[in-house]
Amino acid sequence: MSLLKNEKVKKVFLSLAAMHAVEAPIAYWAAKKRGKNPKLYAALTAFFGVFVLVPLLRQPKVEEAAS
């Protein structure tokens, strides 16, 4: 039995791909607001997901840091 023939495994892979596709634009926007390289963070989030996105979102925005 092949691993990818299992329907549950297919659903997990598809949901992970969908989640990463949604997280990448959020990371792009958040990196722009924080003065980071948005393309780099979007790419990293596309591969690693929330492990990159959550620490990025916890950083202060550029406008808040200047105050």
N, C-alpha and C. Protein backbone atom coordinates (compact mmCIF):
# COMPACT_ATOMS: atom_id res chain seq x y z
N MET A 1 0.83 -1.18 0.00
CA MET A 1 0.00 0.00 0.00
C MET A 1 0.88 1.25 0.00
N SER A 2 0.68 2.07 -0.97
CA SER A 2 1.44 3.30 -1.06
C SER A 2 0.90 4.32 -0.05
N LEU A 3 1.79 5.12 0.50
CA LEU A 3 1.40 6.09 1.51
C LEU A 3 0.47 7.15 0.94
N LEU A 4 0.70 7.60 -0.29
CA LEU A 4 -0.13 8.64 -0.88
C LEU A 4 -1.48 8.15 -1.37
N LYS A 5 -1.70 6.85 -1.37
CA LYS A 5 -3.01 6.34 -1.76
C LYS A 5 -4.01 6.44 -0.61
N ASN A 6 -3.50 6.63 0.58
CA ASN A 6 -4.36 6.78 1.74
C ASN A 6 -5.04 8.15 1.69
N GLU A 7 -6.35 8.19 1.79
CA GLU A 7 -7.12 9.44 1.66
C GLU A 7 -6.82 10.43 2.78
N LYS A 8 -6.61 9.95 3.99
CA LYS A 8 -6.31 10.85 5.10
C LYS A 8 -4.98 11.55 4.89
N VAL A 9 -4.01 10.84 4.39
CA VAL A 9 -2.69 11.43 4.14
C VAL A 9 -2.79 12.48 3.04
N LYS A 10 -3.57 12.21 2.02
CA LYS A 10 -3.77 13.19 0.96
C LYS A 10 -4.40 14.46 1.49
N LYS A 11 -5.40 14.30 2.35
CA LYS A 11 -6.08 15.46 2.92
C LYS A 11 -5.13 16.29 3.78
N VAL A 12 -4.27 15.62 4.54
CA VAL A 12 -3.31 16.33 5.38
C VAL A 12 -2.35 17.13 4.51
N PHE A 13 -1.81 16.53 3.46
CA PHE A 13 -0.88 17.23 2.58
C PHE A 13 -1.56 18.41 1.88
N LEU A 14 -2.78 18.22 1.43
CA LEU A 14 -3.49 19.31 0.76
C LEU A 14 -3.81 20.45 1.73
N SER A 15 -4.20 20.12 2.95
CA SER A 15 -4.49 21.18 3.91
C SER A 15 -3.23 21.93 4.32
N LEU A 16 -2.11 21.22 4.45
CA LEU A 16 -0.84 21.90 4.75
C LEU A 16 -0.43 22.83 3.62
N ALA A 17 -0.58 22.38 2.40
CA ALA A 17 -0.25 23.23 1.26
C ALA A 17 -1.14 24.46 1.21
N ALA A 18 -2.41 24.29 1.50
CA ALA A 18 -3.33 25.42 1.50
C ALA A 18 -2.99 26.41 2.62
N MET A 19 -2.69 25.89 3.79
CA MET A 19 -2.35 26.77 4.91
C MET A 19 -1.08 27.58 4.62
N HIS A 20 -0.07 26.93 4.06
CA HIS A 20 1.16 27.64 3.75
C HIS A 20 0.94 28.67 2.65
N ALA A 21 0.06 28.39 1.72
CA ALA A 21 -0.25 29.35 0.66
C ALA A 21 -0.96 30.57 1.23
N VAL A 22 -1.72 30.40 2.29
CA VAL A 22 -2.40 31.53 2.93
C VAL A 22 -1.43 32.29 3.85
N GLU A 23 -0.55 31.58 4.51
CA GLU A 23 0.38 32.20 5.44
C GLU A 23 1.45 33.04 4.75
N ALA A 24 1.87 32.66 3.56
CA ALA A 24 2.95 33.37 2.87
C ALA A 24 2.61 34.83 2.57
N PRO A 25 1.43 35.16 2.04
CA PRO A 25 1.11 36.59 1.85
C PRO A 25 1.00 37.36 3.16
N ILE A 26 0.55 36.70 4.22
CA ILE A 26 0.49 37.35 5.53
C ILE A 26 1.90 37.69 6.00
N ALA A 27 2.83 36.77 5.80
CA ALA A 27 4.22 37.01 6.18
C ALA A 27 4.83 38.14 5.34
N TYR A 28 4.47 38.20 4.07
CA TYR A 28 4.97 39.27 3.20
C TYR A 28 4.51 40.63 3.74
N TRP A 29 3.25 40.73 4.07
CA TRP A 29 2.68 41.98 4.59
C TRP A 29 3.31 42.34 5.94
N ALA A 30 3.44 41.36 6.82
CA ALA A 30 3.99 41.60 8.15
C ALA A 30 5.46 42.00 8.08
N ALA A 31 6.22 41.39 7.20
CA ALA A 31 7.64 41.74 7.07
C ALA A 31 7.79 43.17 6.55
N LYS A 32 6.94 43.57 5.63
CA LYS A 32 6.97 44.95 5.14
C LYS A 32 6.73 45.94 6.27
N LYS A 33 5.77 45.64 7.12
CA LYS A 33 5.44 46.52 8.24
C LYS A 33 6.55 46.58 9.28
N ARG A 34 7.40 45.56 9.33
CA ARG A 34 8.44 45.48 10.34
C ARG A 34 9.82 45.80 9.80
N GLY A 35 9.90 46.25 8.56
CA GLY A 35 11.18 46.64 7.97
C GLY A 35 12.09 45.49 7.62
N LYS A 36 11.53 44.32 7.42
CA LYS A 36 12.29 43.12 7.04
C LYS A 36 12.13 42.89 5.54
N ASN A 37 12.87 41.92 5.01
CA ASN A 37 12.79 41.56 3.60
C ASN A 37 11.52 40.74 3.38
N PRO A 38 10.50 41.32 2.72
CA PRO A 38 9.22 40.61 2.60
C PRO A 38 9.29 39.35 1.73
N LYS A 39 10.10 39.37 0.68
CA LYS A 39 10.21 38.19 -0.19
C LYS A 39 10.85 37.02 0.56
N LEU A 40 11.85 37.32 1.37
CA LEU A 40 12.51 36.26 2.13
C LEU A 40 11.55 35.63 3.13
N TYR A 41 10.82 36.47 3.86
CA TYR A 41 9.90 35.94 4.86
C TYR A 41 8.73 35.21 4.22
N ALA A 42 8.27 35.65 3.07
CA ALA A 42 7.20 34.93 2.38
C ALA A 42 7.69 33.55 1.94
N ALA A 43 8.90 33.49 1.42
CA ALA A 43 9.46 32.20 1.00
C ALA A 43 9.69 31.27 2.19
N LEU A 44 10.25 31.82 3.27
CA LEU A 44 10.48 30.99 4.45
C LEU A 44 9.17 30.48 5.04
N THR A 45 8.15 31.33 5.04
CA THR A 45 6.86 30.90 5.57
C THR A 45 6.21 29.87 4.66
N ALA A 46 6.42 29.99 3.35
CA ALA A 46 5.87 29.00 2.43
C ALA A 46 6.45 27.62 2.71
N PHE A 47 7.70 27.55 3.17
CA PHE A 47 8.33 26.26 3.47
C PHE A 47 8.10 25.81 4.90
N PHE A 48 8.24 26.73 5.87
CA PHE A 48 8.22 26.35 7.28
C PHE A 48 6.94 26.72 8.02
N GLY A 49 6.08 27.51 7.41
CA GLY A 49 4.78 27.82 8.00
C GLY A 49 4.85 28.70 9.23
N VAL A 50 4.07 28.34 10.23
CA VAL A 50 3.92 29.17 11.42
C VAL A 50 5.21 29.30 12.22
N PHE A 51 6.17 28.43 12.01
CA PHE A 51 7.42 28.51 12.74
C PHE A 51 8.21 29.77 12.37
N VAL A 52 7.93 30.35 11.23
CA VAL A 52 8.53 31.61 10.82
C VAL A 52 7.54 32.75 11.05
N LEU A 53 6.29 32.51 10.80
CA LEU A 53 5.28 33.57 10.85
C LEU A 53 5.04 34.10 12.26
N VAL A 54 4.92 33.24 13.24
CA VAL A 54 4.60 33.68 14.60
C VAL A 54 5.71 34.56 15.18
N PRO A 55 6.98 34.18 15.11
CA PRO A 55 8.01 35.09 15.63
C PRO A 55 8.04 36.43 14.89
N LEU A 56 7.76 36.41 13.60
CA LEU A 56 7.72 37.66 12.84
C LEU A 56 6.59 38.55 13.34
N LEU A 57 5.43 37.99 13.58
CA LEU A 57 4.30 38.78 14.05
C LEU A 57 4.50 39.31 15.47
N ARG A 58 5.36 38.69 16.24
CA ARG A 58 5.62 39.16 17.61
C ARG A 58 6.60 40.32 17.65
N GLN A 59 7.31 40.58 16.56
CA GLN A 59 8.23 41.70 16.52
C GLN A 59 7.45 43.01 16.39
N PRO A 60 7.98 44.09 16.96
CA PRO A 60 7.26 45.36 16.85
C PRO A 60 7.32 45.93 15.43
N LYS A 61 6.30 46.68 15.09
CA LYS A 61 6.26 47.34 13.78
C LYS A 61 7.26 48.49 13.79
N VAL A 62 7.67 48.91 12.60
CA VAL A 62 8.66 49.98 12.49
C VAL A 62 8.12 51.27 13.10
N GLU A 63 6.85 51.59 12.87
CA GLU A 63 6.26 52.82 13.40
C GLU A 63 6.24 52.81 14.93
N GLU A 64 5.95 51.64 15.52
CA GLU A 64 5.91 51.54 16.98
C GLU A 64 7.29 51.64 17.59
N ALA A 65 8.30 51.09 16.92
CA ALA A 65 9.66 51.12 17.45
C ALA A 65 10.23 52.54 17.42
N ALA A 66 9.82 53.35 16.46
CA ALA A 66 10.33 54.72 16.36
C ALA A 66 9.75 55.62 17.43
N SER A 67 8.61 55.28 17.98
CA SER A 67 7.96 56.14 18.98
C SER A 67 8.66 56.11 20.32
